[in-house]
Amino acid sequence: MTAENVEGKGFYLGRPWRAYSRGVFMHTELPATLNPQGWQEWKSNAADLAKTFYAEFGNTGPGADTAHRPSWTHQLTAAQAKPFEPAVFLKGSDGWNPVAEAARLP
């Protein structure tokens, strides 16, 4: 999805729909149409919020201001964000390097 797809309407990065769900936005340009809360609570699963992980790191743009984010979300430090970097997160047991693989694409 891109900001153009929402045609100027407000939107959220996501919402926790079940215990142990996760969402991380990193190094993303966030438009002004992003709701200042960033994340929306799914009311029927409020009890599961303590068991979810929704975080941000290094985002830019007018929607990147985290002052109004919900208390159950996280703003990561560089060290905390490291495991979510593509080369680390997607490495797997076979050592796959998505950055190197992408560089070989035509």
PDB file of N, CA and C in Angstrom:
ATOM      1  N   MET A   1       0.843  -1.173   0.000  1.00  0.00           N
ATOM      2  CA  MET A   1       0.000   0.000   0.000  1.00  0.00           C
ATOM      3  C   MET A   1       0.887   1.235   0.000  1.00  0.00           C
ATOM      4  N   THR A   2       0.446   2.258  -0.644  1.00  0.00           N
ATOM      5  CA  THR A   2       1.136   3.543  -0.625  1.00  0.00           C
ATOM      6  C   THR A   2       0.153   4.612  -0.175  1.00  0.00           C
ATOM      7  N   ALA A   3       0.679   5.774   0.181  1.00  0.00           N
ATOM      8  CA  ALA A   3      -0.186   6.870   0.619  1.00  0.00           C
ATOM      9  C   ALA A   3      -1.167   7.266  -0.478  1.00  0.00           C
ATOM     10  N   GLU A   4      -0.771   7.088  -1.731  1.00  0.00           N
ATOM     11  CA  GLU A   4      -1.663   7.427  -2.838  1.00  0.00           C
ATOM     12  C   GLU A   4      -2.903   6.538  -2.858  1.00  0.00           C
ATOM     13  N   ASN A   5      -2.788   5.311  -2.390  1.00  0.00           N
ATOM     14  CA  ASN A   5      -3.913   4.381  -2.387  1.00  0.00           C
ATOM     15  C   ASN A   5      -5.041   4.794  -1.451  1.00  0.00           C
ATOM     16  N   VAL A   6      -4.729   5.564  -0.424  1.00  0.00           N
ATOM     17  CA  VAL A   6      -5.771   5.949   0.535  1.00  0.00           C
ATOM     18  C   VAL A   6      -6.452   7.253   0.144  1.00  0.00           C
ATOM     19  N   GLU A   7      -6.036   7.838  -0.959  1.00  0.00           N
ATOM     20  CA  GLU A   7      -6.680   9.017  -1.545  1.00  0.00           C
ATOM     21  C   GLU A   7      -6.955  10.117  -0.533  1.00  0.00           C
ATOM     22  N   GLY A   8      -5.950  10.458   0.285  1.00  0.00           N
ATOM     23  CA  GLY A   8      -6.084  11.549   1.237  1.00  0.00           C
ATOM     24  C   GLY A   8      -6.848  11.216   2.506  1.00  0.00           C
ATOM     25  N   LYS A   9      -7.349   9.998   2.622  1.00  0.00           N
ATOM     26  CA  LYS A   9      -8.074   9.584   3.824  1.00  0.00           C
ATOM     27  C   LYS A   9      -7.064   9.179   4.894  1.00  0.00           C
ATOM     28  N   GLY A  10      -7.428   9.397   6.140  1.00  0.00           N
ATOM     29  CA  GLY A  10      -6.563   8.985   7.232  1.00  0.00           C
ATOM     30  C   GLY A  10      -6.455   7.468   7.308  1.00  0.00           C
ATOM     31  N   PHE A  11      -5.354   6.978   7.828  1.00  0.00           N
ATOM     32  CA  PHE A  11      -5.161   5.541   7.969  1.00  0.00           C
ATOM     33  C   PHE A  11      -4.242   5.265   9.141  1.00  0.00           C
ATOM     34  N   TYR A  12      -4.122   4.010   9.520  1.00  0.00           N
ATOM     35  CA  TYR A  12      -3.264   3.558  10.616  1.00  0.00           C
ATOM     36  C   TYR A  12      -2.214   2.606  10.063  1.00  0.00           C
ATOM     37  N   LEU A  13      -1.134   2.439  10.796  1.00  0.00           N
ATOM     38  CA  LEU A  13      -0.112   1.469  10.411  1.00  0.00           C
ATOM     39  C   LEU A  13      -0.646   0.052  10.558  1.00  0.00           C
ATOM     40  N   GLY A  14      -1.495  -0.155  11.527  1.00  0.00           N
ATOM     41  CA  GLY A  14      -2.081  -1.471  11.751  1.00  0.00           C
ATOM     42  C   GLY A  14      -2.772  -1.500  13.094  1.00  0.00           C
ATOM     43  N   ARG A  15      -3.286  -2.678  13.430  1.00  0.00           N
ATOM     44  CA  ARG A  15      -3.902  -2.856  14.739  1.00  0.00           C
ATOM     45  C   ARG A  15      -3.732  -4.295  15.189  1.00  0.00           C
ATOM     46  N   PRO A  16      -3.463  -4.470  16.477  1.00  0.00           N
ATOM     47  CA  PRO A  16      -3.280  -5.829  16.987  1.00  0.00           C
ATOM     48  C   PRO A  16      -4.601  -6.581  17.001  1.00  0.00           C
ATOM     49  N   TRP A  17      -4.624  -7.712  16.373  1.00  0.00           N
ATOM     50  CA  TRP A  17      -5.872  -8.467  16.278  1.00  0.00           C
ATOM     51  C   TRP A  17      -5.848  -9.749  17.097  1.00  0.00           C
ATOM     52  N   ARG A  18      -4.700 -10.059  17.694  1.00  0.00           N
ATOM     53  CA  ARG A  18      -4.606 -11.288  18.486  1.00  0.00           C
ATOM     54  C   ARG A  18      -3.333 -11.242  19.336  1.00  0.00           C
ATOM     55  N   ALA A  19      -3.347 -11.956  20.439  1.00  0.00           N
ATOM     56  CA  ALA A  19      -2.153 -12.056  21.277  1.00  0.00           C
ATOM     57  C   ALA A  19      -0.981 -12.579  20.447  1.00  0.00           C
ATOM     58  N   TYR A  20       0.188 -12.057  20.720  1.00  0.00           N
ATOM     59  CA  TYR A  20       1.453 -12.449  20.094  1.00  0.00           C
ATOM     60  C   TYR A  20       1.607 -11.951  18.653  1.00  0.00           C
ATOM     61  N   SER A  21       0.700 -11.087  18.213  1.00  0.00           N
ATOM     62  CA  SER A  21       0.881 -10.493  16.887  1.00  0.00           C
ATOM     63  C   SER A  21       1.982  -9.442  16.965  1.00  0.00           C
ATOM     64  N   ARG A  22       2.601  -9.163  15.805  1.00  0.00           N
ATOM     65  CA  ARG A  22       3.711  -8.213  15.743  1.00  0.00           C
ATOM     66  C   ARG A  22       3.608  -7.356  14.506  1.00  0.00           C
ATOM     67  N   GLY A  23       4.109  -6.158  14.626  1.00  0.00           N
ATOM     68  CA  GLY A  23       4.218  -5.264  13.486  1.00  0.00           C
ATOM     69  C   GLY A  23       5.333  -4.277  13.762  1.00  0.00           C
ATOM     70  N   VAL A  24       6.245  -4.127  12.812  1.00  0.00           N
ATOM     71  CA  VAL A  24       7.364  -3.197  12.975  1.00  0.00           C
ATOM     72  C   VAL A  24       7.521  -2.399  11.688  1.00  0.00           C
ATOM     73  N   PHE A  25       7.520  -1.087  11.802  1.00  0.00           N
ATOM     74  CA  PHE A  25       7.796  -0.197  10.678  1.00  0.00           C
ATOM     75  C   PHE A  25       9.143   0.448  10.923  1.00  0.00           C
ATOM     76  N   MET A  26      10.055   0.283   9.967  1.00  0.00           N
ATOM     77  CA  MET A  26      11.398   0.841  10.078  1.00  0.00           C
ATOM     78  C   MET A  26      11.784   1.543   8.784  1.00  0.00           C
ATOM     79  N   HIS A  27      12.468   2.674   8.935  1.00  0.00           N
ATOM     80  CA  HIS A  27      13.019   3.401   7.788  1.00  0.00           C
ATOM     81  C   HIS A  27      11.957   3.643   6.714  1.00  0.00           C
ATOM     82  N   THR A  28      10.774   4.054   7.151  1.00  0.00           N
ATOM     83  CA  THR A  28       9.647   4.271   6.249  1.00  0.00           C
ATOM     84  C   THR A  28       9.263   5.749   6.253  1.00  0.00           C
ATOM     85  N   GLU A  29       8.965   6.292   5.087  1.00  0.00           N
ATOM     86  CA  GLU A  29       8.461   7.657   5.019  1.00  0.00           C
ATOM     87  C   GLU A  29       6.960   7.613   5.255  1.00  0.00           C
ATOM     88  N   LEU A  30       6.538   8.219   6.359  1.00  0.00           N
ATOM     89  CA  LEU A  30       5.141   8.179   6.760  1.00  0.00           C
ATOM     90  C   LEU A  30       4.467   9.510   6.410  1.00  0.00           C
ATOM     91  N   PRO A  31       3.383   9.471   5.621  1.00  0.00           N
ATOM     92  CA  PRO A  31       2.725  10.698   5.157  1.00  0.00           C
ATOM     93  C   PRO A  31       1.875  11.359   6.237  1.00  0.00           C
ATOM     94  N   ALA A  32       1.469  12.581   5.968  1.00  0.00           N
ATOM     95  CA  ALA A  32       0.636  13.348   6.892  1.00  0.00           C
ATOM     96  C   ALA A  32      -0.735  12.712   7.081  1.00  0.00           C
ATOM     97  N   THR A  33      -1.177  11.891   6.162  1.00  0.00           N
ATOM     98  CA  THR A  33      -2.495  11.258   6.284  1.00  0.00           C
ATOM     99  C   THR A  33      -2.513  10.119   7.304  1.00  0.00           C
ATOM    100  N   LEU A  34      -1.330   9.729   7.825  1.00  0.00           N
ATOM    101  CA  LEU A  34      -1.286   8.728   8.883  1.00  0.00           C
ATOM    102  C   LEU A  34      -1.905   9.334  10.140  1.00  0.00           C
ATOM    103  N   ASN A  35      -2.844   8.624  10.755  1.00  0.00           N
ATOM    104  CA  ASN A  35      -3.443   9.095  11.995  1.00  0.00           C
ATOM    105  C   ASN A  35      -2.321   9.293  13.012  1.00  0.00           C
ATOM    106  N   PRO A  36      -2.310  10.393  13.773  1.00  0.00           N
ATOM    107  CA  PRO A  36      -1.236  10.641  14.739  1.00  0.00           C
ATOM    108  C   PRO A  36      -1.030   9.523  15.754  1.00  0.00           C
ATOM    109  N   GLN A  37      -2.079   8.737  16.050  1.00  0.00           N
ATOM    110  CA  GLN A  37      -1.913   7.596  16.959  1.00  0.00           C
ATOM    111  C   GLN A  37      -1.053   6.509  16.315  1.00  0.00           C
ATOM    112  N   GLY A  38      -1.023   6.456  15.012  1.00  0.00           N
ATOM    113  CA  GLY A  38      -0.216   5.472  14.302  1.00  0.00           C
ATOM    114  C   GLY A  38      -0.819   4.081  14.280  1.00  0.00           C
ATOM    115  N   TRP A  39      -1.205   3.599  15.430  1.00  0.00           N
ATOM    116  CA  TRP A  39      -1.744   2.246  15.592  1.00  0.00           C
ATOM    117  C   TRP A  39      -3.129   2.341  16.196  1.00  0.00           C
ATOM    118  N   GLN A  40      -4.024   1.438  15.795  1.00  0.00           N
ATOM    119  CA  GLN A  40      -5.389   1.470  16.299  1.00  0.00           C
ATOM    120  C   GLN A  40      -5.677   0.204  17.088  1.00  0.00           C
ATOM    121  N   GLU A  41      -6.165   0.389  18.296  1.00  0.00           N
ATOM    122  CA  GLU A  41      -6.524  -0.756  19.124  1.00  0.00           C
ATOM    123  C   GLU A  41      -7.775  -1.427  18.577  1.00  0.00           C
ATOM    124  N   TRP A  42      -7.741  -2.745  18.511  1.00  0.00           N
ATOM    125  CA  TRP A  42      -8.917  -3.511  18.133  1.00  0.00           C
ATOM    126  C   TRP A  42      -9.646  -3.817  19.444  1.00  0.00           C
ATOM    127  N   LYS A  43     -10.743  -3.126  19.672  1.00  0.00           N
ATOM    128  CA  LYS A  43     -11.407  -3.135  20.982  1.00  0.00           C
ATOM    129  C   LYS A  43     -11.696  -4.532  21.519  1.00  0.00           C
ATOM    130  N   SER A  44     -12.072  -5.465  20.678  1.00  0.00           N
ATOM    131  CA  SER A  44     -12.437  -6.798  21.163  1.00  0.00           C
ATOM    132  C   SER A  44     -11.237  -7.572  21.699  1.00  0.00           C
ATOM    133  N   ASN A  45     -10.027  -7.112  21.414  1.00  0.00           N
ATOM    134  CA  ASN A  45      -8.831  -7.818  21.878  1.00  0.00           C
ATOM    135  C   ASN A  45      -7.988  -6.971  22.820  1.00  0.00           C
ATOM    136  N   ALA A  46      -8.590  -6.027  23.528  1.00  0.00           N
ATOM    137  CA  ALA A  46      -7.856  -5.136  24.413  1.00  0.00           C
ATOM    138  C   ALA A  46      -7.055  -5.902  25.467  1.00  0.00           C
ATOM    139  N   ALA A  47      -7.560  -7.024  25.926  1.00  0.00           N
ATOM    140  CA  ALA A  47      -6.858  -7.808  26.948  1.00  0.00           C
ATOM    141  C   ALA A  47      -5.553  -8.386  26.421  1.00  0.00           C
ATOM    142  N   ASP A  48      -5.418  -8.520  25.111  1.00  0.00           N
ATOM    143  CA  ASP A  48      -4.214  -9.108  24.520  1.00  0.00           C
ATOM    144  C   ASP A  48      -3.103  -8.096  24.256  1.00  0.00           C
ATOM    145  N   LEU A  49      -3.344  -6.801  24.478  1.00  0.00           N
ATOM    146  CA  LEU A  49      -2.355  -5.782  24.129  1.00  0.00           C
ATOM    147  C   LEU A  49      -1.005  -5.997  24.816  1.00  0.00           C
ATOM    148  N   ALA A  50      -1.012  -6.497  26.036  1.00  0.00           N
ATOM    149  CA  ALA A  50       0.244  -6.743  26.750  1.00  0.00           C
ATOM    150  C   ALA A  50       1.046  -7.870  26.109  1.00  0.00           C
ATOM    151  N   LYS A  51       0.420  -8.662  25.257  1.00  0.00           N
ATOM    152  CA  LYS A  51       1.077  -9.796  24.607  1.00  0.00           C
ATOM    153  C   LYS A  51       1.374  -9.530  23.138  1.00  0.00           C
ATOM    154  N   THR A  52       1.298  -8.266  22.721  1.00  0.00           N
ATOM    155  CA  THR A  52       1.583  -7.910  21.330  1.00  0.00           C
ATOM    156  C   THR A  52       2.865  -7.100  21.263  1.00  0.00           C
ATOM    157  N   PHE A  53       3.377  -6.906  20.053  1.00  0.00           N
ATOM    158  CA  PHE A  53       4.584  -6.093  19.868  1.00  0.00           C
ATOM    159  C   PHE A  53       4.432  -5.281  18.595  1.00  0.00           C
ATOM    160  N   TYR A  54       4.208  -3.988  18.754  1.00  0.00           N
ATOM    161  CA  TYR A  54       4.076  -3.061  17.635  1.00  0.00           C
ATOM    162  C   TYR A  54       5.080  -1.947  17.852  1.00  0.00           C
ATOM    163  N   ALA A  55       5.968  -1.753  16.889  1.00  0.00           N
ATOM    164  CA  ALA A  55       7.089  -0.849  17.108  1.00  0.00           C
ATOM    165  C   ALA A  55       7.462  -0.067  15.858  1.00  0.00           C
ATOM    166  N   GLU A  56       8.280   0.963  16.084  1.00  0.00           N
ATOM    167  CA  GLU A  56       8.769   1.816  15.002  1.00  0.00           C
ATOM    168  C   GLU A  56      10.229   2.173  15.262  1.00  0.00           C
ATOM    169  N   PHE A  57      10.935   2.437  14.170  1.00  0.00           N
ATOM    170  CA  PHE A  57      12.322   2.898  14.282  1.00  0.00           C
ATOM    171  C   PHE A  57      12.740   3.620  13.012  1.00  0.00           C
ATOM    172  N   GLY A  58      13.328   4.783  13.172  1.00  0.00           N
ATOM    173  CA  GLY A  58      13.954   5.488  12.060  1.00  0.00           C
ATOM    174  C   GLY A  58      13.034   5.928  10.946  1.00  0.00           C
ATOM    175  N   ASN A  59      11.763   6.136  11.236  1.00  0.00           N
ATOM    176  CA  ASN A  59      10.837   6.588  10.200  1.00  0.00           C
ATOM    177  C   ASN A  59      10.979   8.093   9.982  1.00  0.00           C
ATOM    178  N   THR A  60      10.565   8.562   8.822  1.00  0.00           N
ATOM    179  CA  THR A  60      10.644   9.970   8.478  1.00  0.00           C
ATOM    180  C   THR A  60       9.302  10.441   7.933  1.00  0.00           C
ATOM    181  N   GLY A  61       9.215  11.724   7.649  1.00  0.00           N
ATOM    182  CA  GLY A  61       8.005  12.286   7.066  1.00  0.00           C
ATOM    183  C   GLY A  61       7.078  12.856   8.117  1.00  0.00           C
ATOM    184  N   PRO A  62       6.042  13.563   7.682  1.00  0.00           N
ATOM    185  CA  PRO A  62       5.122  14.223   8.617  1.00  0.00           C
ATOM    186  C   PRO A  62       4.341  13.269   9.510  1.00  0.00           C
ATOM    187  N   GLY A  63       4.194  12.030   9.148  1.00  0.00           N
ATOM    188  CA  GLY A  63       3.487  11.063   9.983  1.00  0.00           C
ATOM    189  C   GLY A  63       4.374  10.334  10.970  1.00  0.00           C
ATOM    190  N   ALA A  64       5.664  10.661  10.992  1.00  0.00           N
ATOM    191  CA  ALA A  64       6.616   9.946  11.840  1.00  0.00           C
ATOM    192  C   ALA A  64       6.686  10.466  13.273  1.00  0.00           C
ATOM    193  N   ASP A  65       5.955  11.518  13.587  1.00  0.00           N
ATOM    194  CA  ASP A  65       5.941  12.058  14.951  1.00  0.00           C
ATOM    195  C   ASP A  65       5.259  11.043  15.864  1.00  0.00           C
ATOM    196  N   THR A  66       5.962  10.548  16.865  1.00  0.00           N
ATOM    197  CA  THR A  66       5.445   9.479  17.725  1.00  0.00           C
ATOM    198  C   THR A  66       4.826   9.984  19.028  1.00  0.00           C
ATOM    199  N   ALA A  67       4.653  11.290  19.153  1.00  0.00           N
ATOM    200  CA  ALA A  67       4.152  11.869  20.408  1.00  0.00           C
ATOM    201  C   ALA A  67       2.781  11.343  20.817  1.00  0.00           C
ATOM    202  N   HIS A  68       1.966  10.931  19.883  1.00  0.00           N
ATOM    203  CA  HIS A  68       0.604  10.494  20.204  1.00  0.00           C
ATOM    204  C   HIS A  68       0.392   8.991  20.038  1.00  0.00           C
ATOM    205  N   ARG A  69       1.468   8.229  19.958  1.00  0.00           N
ATOM    206  CA  ARG A  69       1.335   6.783  19.804  1.00  0.00           C
ATOM    207  C   ARG A  69       0.808   6.167  21.096  1.00  0.00           C
ATOM    208  N   PRO A  70       0.055   5.070  21.007  1.00  0.00           N
ATOM    209  CA  PRO A  70      -0.476   4.412  22.203  1.00  0.00           C
ATOM    210  C   PRO A  70       0.640   3.885  23.105  1.00  0.00           C
ATOM    211  N   SER A  71       0.335   3.764  24.384  1.00  0.00           N
ATOM    212  CA  SER A  71       1.334   3.320  25.363  1.00  0.00           C
ATOM    213  C   SER A  71       1.785   1.878  25.147  1.00  0.00           C
ATOM    214  N   TRP A  72       1.001   1.085  24.461  1.00  0.00           N
ATOM    215  CA  TRP A  72       1.355  -0.325  24.234  1.00  0.00           C
ATOM    216  C   TRP A  72       2.278  -0.523  23.028  1.00  0.00           C
ATOM    217  N   THR A  73       2.655   0.562  22.347  1.00  0.00           N
ATOM    218  CA  THR A  73       3.595   0.462  21.226  1.00  0.00           C
ATOM    219  C   THR A  73       4.997   0.814  21.704  1.00  0.00           C
ATOM    220  N   HIS A  74       5.977   0.546  20.860  1.00  0.00           N
ATOM    221  CA  HIS A  74       7.379   0.743  21.240  1.00  0.00           C
ATOM    222  C   HIS A  74       8.104   1.607  20.219  1.00  0.00           C
ATOM    223  N   GLN A  75       9.002   2.440  20.718  1.00  0.00           N
ATOM    224  CA  GLN A  75       9.928   3.175  19.875  1.00  0.00           C
ATOM    225  C   GLN A  75      11.289   2.548  20.141  1.00  0.00           C
ATOM    226  N   LEU A  76      11.834   1.897  19.128  1.00  0.00           N
ATOM    227  CA  LEU A  76      13.047   1.119  19.298  1.00  0.00           C
ATOM    228  C   LEU A  76      14.315   1.961  19.245  1.00  0.00           C
ATOM    229  N   THR A  77      15.322   1.526  19.990  1.00  0.00           N
ATOM    230  CA  THR A  77      16.664   2.085  19.861  1.00  0.00           C
ATOM    231  C   THR A  77      17.331   1.370  18.687  1.00  0.00           C
ATOM    232  N   ALA A  78      18.481   1.860  18.259  1.00  0.00           N
ATOM    233  CA  ALA A  78      19.194   1.205  17.159  1.00  0.00           C
ATOM    234  C   ALA A  78      19.529  -0.245  17.511  1.00  0.00           C
ATOM    235  N   ALA A  79      19.936  -0.490  18.739  1.00  0.00           N
ATOM    236  CA  ALA A  79      20.270  -1.857  19.155  1.00  0.00           C
ATOM    237  C   ALA A  79      19.030  -2.760  19.146  1.00  0.00           C
ATOM    238  N   GLN A  80      17.889  -2.236  19.594  1.00  0.00           N
ATOM    239  CA  GLN A  80      16.652  -3.026  19.608  1.00  0.00           C
ATOM    240  C   GLN A  80      16.140  -3.279  18.193  1.00  0.00           C
ATOM    241  N   ALA A  81      16.414  -2.352  17.271  1.00  0.00           N
ATOM    242  CA  ALA A  81      15.941  -2.486  15.891  1.00  0.00           C
ATOM    243  C   ALA A  81      16.781  -3.455  15.076  1.00  0.00           C
ATOM    244  N   LYS A  82      18.005  -3.682  15.465  1.00  0.00           N
ATOM    245  CA  LYS A  82      18.943  -4.511  14.697  1.00  0.00           C
ATOM    246  C   LYS A  82      18.368  -5.872  14.299  1.00  0.00           C
ATOM    247  N   PRO A  83      17.719  -6.623  15.189  1.00  0.00           N
ATOM    248  CA  PRO A  83      17.185  -7.932  14.788  1.00  0.00           C
ATOM    249  C   PRO A  83      16.098  -7.863  13.707  1.00  0.00           C
ATOM    250  N   PHE A  84      15.527  -6.679  13.495  1.00  0.00           N
ATOM    251  CA  PHE A  84      14.477  -6.528  12.493  1.00  0.00           C
ATOM    252  C   PHE A  84      14.998  -6.024  11.148  1.00  0.00           C
ATOM    253  N   GLU A  85      16.292  -5.741  11.059  1.00  0.00           N
ATOM    254  CA  GLU A  85      16.877  -5.336   9.777  1.00  0.00           C
ATOM    255  C   GLU A  85      16.757  -6.521   8.815  1.00  0.00           C
ATOM    256  N   PRO A  86      16.468  -6.275   7.521  1.00  0.00           N
ATOM    257  CA  PRO A  86      16.242  -7.378   6.569  1.00  0.00           C
ATOM    258  C   PRO A  86      17.340  -8.440   6.552  1.00  0.00           C
ATOM    259  N   ALA A  87      18.585  -8.024   6.563  1.00  0.00           N
ATOM    260  CA  ALA A  87      19.681  -8.999   6.483  1.00  0.00           C
ATOM    261  C   ALA A  87      19.728  -9.914   7.701  1.00  0.00           C
ATOM    262  N   VAL A  88      19.267  -9.438   8.835  1.00  0.00           N
ATOM    263  CA  VAL A  88      19.255 -10.245  10.053  1.00  0.00           C
ATOM    264  C   VAL A  88      17.950 -11.038  10.152  1.00  0.00           C
ATOM    265  N   PHE A  89      16.821 -10.363   9.983  1.00  0.00           N
ATOM    266  CA  PHE A  89      15.506 -10.968  10.171  1.00  0.00           C
ATOM    267  C   PHE A  89      15.235 -12.096   9.177  1.00  0.00           C
ATOM    268  N   LEU A  90      15.676 -11.928   7.937  1.00  0.00           N
ATOM    269  CA  LEU A  90      15.398 -12.909   6.890  1.00  0.00           C
ATOM    270  C   LEU A  90      16.516 -13.932   6.672  1.00  0.00           C
ATOM    271  N   LYS A  91      17.577 -13.821   7.441  1.00  0.00           N
ATOM    272  CA  LYS A  91      18.755 -14.674   7.238  1.00  0.00           C
ATOM    273  C   LYS A  91      18.433 -16.165   7.324  1.00  0.00           C
ATOM    274  N   GLY A  92      17.725 -16.569   8.343  1.00  0.00           N
ATOM    275  CA  GLY A  92      17.360 -17.975   8.482  1.00  0.00           C
ATOM    276  C   GLY A  92      18.547 -18.890   8.688  1.00  0.00           C
ATOM    277  N   SER A  93      18.265 -20.169   8.787  1.00  0.00           N
ATOM    278  CA  SER A  93      19.324 -21.146   9.046  1.00  0.00           C
ATOM    279  C   SER A  93      20.226 -21.380   7.835  1.00  0.00           C
ATOM    280  N   ASP A  94      19.752 -20.994   6.636  1.00  0.00           N
ATOM    281  CA  ASP A  94      20.576 -21.193   5.436  1.00  0.00           C
ATOM    282  C   ASP A  94      21.446 -19.986   5.115  1.00  0.00           C
ATOM    283  N   GLY A  95      21.358 -18.907   5.933  1.00  0.00           N
ATOM    284  CA  GLY A  95      22.210 -17.746   5.731  1.00  0.00           C
ATOM    285  C   GLY A  95      21.813 -16.869   4.554  1.00  0.00           C
ATOM    286  N   TRP A  96      20.581 -16.968   4.085  1.00  0.00           N
ATOM    287  CA  TRP A  96      20.115 -16.183   2.943  1.00  0.00           C
ATOM    288  C   TRP A  96      20.317 -14.699   3.200  1.00  0.00           C
ATOM    289  N   ASN A  97      20.829 -13.992   2.215  1.00  0.00           N
ATOM    290  CA  ASN A  97      21.054 -12.555   2.327  1.00  0.00           C
ATOM    291  C   ASN A  97      20.141 -11.848   1.323  1.00  0.00           C
ATOM    292  N   PRO A  98      19.020 -11.282   1.779  1.00  0.00           N
ATOM    293  CA  PRO A  98      18.074 -10.673   0.849  1.00  0.00           C
ATOM    294  C   PRO A  98      18.633  -9.445   0.138  1.00  0.00           C
ATOM    295  N   VAL A  99      19.527  -8.728   0.771  1.00  0.00           N
ATOM    296  CA  VAL A  99      20.112  -7.534   0.141  1.00  0.00           C
ATOM    297  C   VAL A  99      21.000  -7.957  -1.017  1.00  0.00           C
ATOM    298  N   ALA A 100      21.846  -8.936  -0.812  1.00  0.00           N
ATOM    299  CA  ALA A 100      22.716  -9.439  -1.889  1.00  0.00           C
ATOM    300  C   ALA A 100      21.886 -10.061  -2.997  1.00  0.00           C
ATOM    301  N   GLU A 101      20.849 -10.795  -2.629  1.00  0.00           N
ATOM    302  CA  GLU A 101      19.979 -11.426  -3.615  1.00  0.00           C
ATOM    303  C   GLU A 101      19.278 -10.369  -4.496  1.00  0.00           C
ATOM    304  N   ALA A 102      18.789  -9.310  -3.862  1.00  0.00           N
ATOM    305  CA  ALA A 102      18.121  -8.239  -4.586  1.00  0.00           C
ATOM    306  C   ALA A 102      19.091  -7.533  -5.540  1.00  0.00           C
ATOM    307  N   ALA A 103      20.338  -7.412  -5.137  1.00  0.00           N
ATOM    308  CA  ALA A 103      21.340  -6.759  -5.991  1.00  0.00           C
ATOM    309  C   ALA A 103      21.608  -7.545  -7.262  1.00  0.00           C
ATOM    310  N   ARG A 104      21.355  -8.842  -7.252  1.00  0.00           N
ATOM    311  CA  ARG A 104      21.578  -9.680  -8.426  1.00  0.00           C
ATOM    312  C   ARG A 104      20.380  -9.682  -9.384  1.00  0.00           C
ATOM    313  N   LEU A 105      19.280  -9.097  -8.987  1.00  0.00           N
ATOM    314  CA  LEU A 105      18.110  -9.084  -9.861  1.00  0.00           C
ATOM    315  C   LEU A 105      18.330  -8.164 -11.067  1.00  0.00           C
ATOM    316  N   PRO A 106      17.726  -8.523 -12.195  1.00  0.00           N
ATOM    317  CA  PRO A 106      17.897  -7.669 -13.389  1.00  0.00           C
ATOM    318  C   PRO A 106      17.187  -6.351 -13.240  1.00  0.00           C
TER     319      PRO A 106
END
